[in-house]
């Protein structure tokens, strides 16, 4: 069954929306760079290894590394920073 864009518009559908009520969301490129740089700095993983991870996995690893940094900073008397990497 093939639908034309004009028939989608006539039914009130959006031509860029083919998954029912779900829209495709793009992940912000600057956020991807931030997570990738953070993980590469602390883990020395390659760009390919980091980009092959799912978004959820990258965020989880960033959050765990941030917690470790927070504990180290607290132990050395440095001010604790807010963890910006959370799901």
Protein backbone atom coordinates (compact mmCIF):
# COMPACT_ATOMS: atom_id res chain seq x y z
CA UNK A 1 0.00 0.00 0.00
CA UNK A 2 1.49 3.28 -1.01
CA UNK A 3 0.33 6.60 0.38
CA UNK A 4 1.03 9.90 -1.23
CA UNK A 5 2.06 12.85 0.89
CA UNK A 6 -1.06 14.71 -0.22
CA UNK A 7 -3.26 11.93 1.18
CA UNK A 8 -1.38 12.09 4.51
CA UNK A 9 -1.94 15.83 4.67
CA UNK A 10 -5.62 15.41 3.81
CA UNK A 11 -6.03 13.04 6.76
CA UNK A 12 -4.24 15.49 9.05
CA UNK A 13 -1.04 13.50 9.10
CA UNK A 14 2.39 14.97 9.01
CA UNK A 15 4.55 13.81 6.09
CA UNK A 16 7.59 13.51 8.36
CA UNK A 17 5.75 11.35 10.86
CA UNK A 18 5.52 7.71 9.84
CA UNK A 19 5.56 5.98 13.24
CA UNK A 20 2.06 6.57 14.54
CA UNK A 21 2.12 9.14 17.32
CA UNK A 22 5.89 8.90 17.78
CA UNK A 23 8.19 11.44 16.21
CA UNK A 24 11.79 10.76 15.41
CA UNK A 25 13.96 12.73 17.84
CA UNK A 26 17.49 13.58 16.90
CA UNK A 27 20.14 13.64 19.56
CA UNK A 28 21.80 17.04 19.93
CA UNK A 29 25.20 16.97 18.28
CA UNK A 30 26.83 19.17 20.93
CA UNK A 31 25.60 16.81 23.66
CA UNK A 32 27.06 13.83 21.80
CA UNK A 33 30.42 15.63 21.55
CA UNK A 34 30.31 16.50 25.25
CA UNK A 35 29.66 12.90 26.31
CA UNK A 36 32.24 11.54 23.87
CA UNK A 37 34.95 13.96 24.98
CA UNK A 38 34.22 13.23 28.63
CA UNK A 39 34.49 9.46 28.15
CA UNK A 40 37.56 9.70 25.91
CA UNK A 41 39.31 11.92 28.46
CA UNK A 42 38.69 9.66 31.43
CA UNK A 43 38.70 6.19 29.84
CA UNK A 44 40.93 6.65 26.78
CA UNK A 45 38.41 4.67 24.73
CA UNK A 46 38.51 5.23 20.98
CA UNK A 47 36.01 7.39 19.14
CA UNK A 48 34.60 4.28 17.46
CA UNK A 49 34.12 2.47 20.78
CA UNK A 50 32.31 5.44 22.28
CA UNK A 51 30.07 6.11 19.28
CA UNK A 52 29.05 2.45 19.03
CA UNK A 53 27.55 2.69 22.52
CA UNK A 54 23.88 3.47 22.94
CA UNK A 55 22.90 6.85 24.31
CA UNK A 56 21.76 5.21 27.55
CA UNK A 57 25.11 3.45 27.99
CA UNK A 58 27.11 6.64 27.34
CA UNK A 59 25.04 8.58 29.86
CA UNK A 60 25.39 5.77 32.42
CA UNK A 61 29.19 5.67 32.05
CA UNK A 62 29.42 9.47 32.23
CA UNK A 63 27.30 9.47 35.39
CA UNK A 64 29.40 6.78 37.06
CA UNK A 65 32.66 8.60 36.23
CA UNK A 66 31.15 11.83 37.57
CA UNK A 67 30.25 10.10 40.85
CA UNK A 68 33.82 8.85 41.22
CA UNK A 69 35.15 12.36 40.54
CA UNK A 70 32.73 13.76 43.11
CA UNK A 71 33.99 11.36 45.78
CA UNK A 72 37.62 12.17 44.96
CA UNK A 73 36.92 15.90 45.08
CA UNK A 74 35.04 15.60 48.38
CA UNK A 75 37.91 13.61 49.91
CA UNK A 76 40.40 16.27 48.87
CA UNK A 77 38.22 19.10 50.19
CA UNK A 78 37.25 20.49 46.81
CA UNK A 79 33.79 21.83 46.16
CA UNK A 80 31.35 19.22 44.83
CA UNK A 81 29.90 19.94 41.40
CA UNK A 82 26.49 18.96 40.09
CA UNK A 83 26.46 15.77 38.01
CA UNK A 84 25.25 16.91 34.59
CA UNK A 85 25.16 13.37 33.21
CA UNK A 86 21.98 11.70 34.37
CA UNK A 87 19.29 9.69 32.69
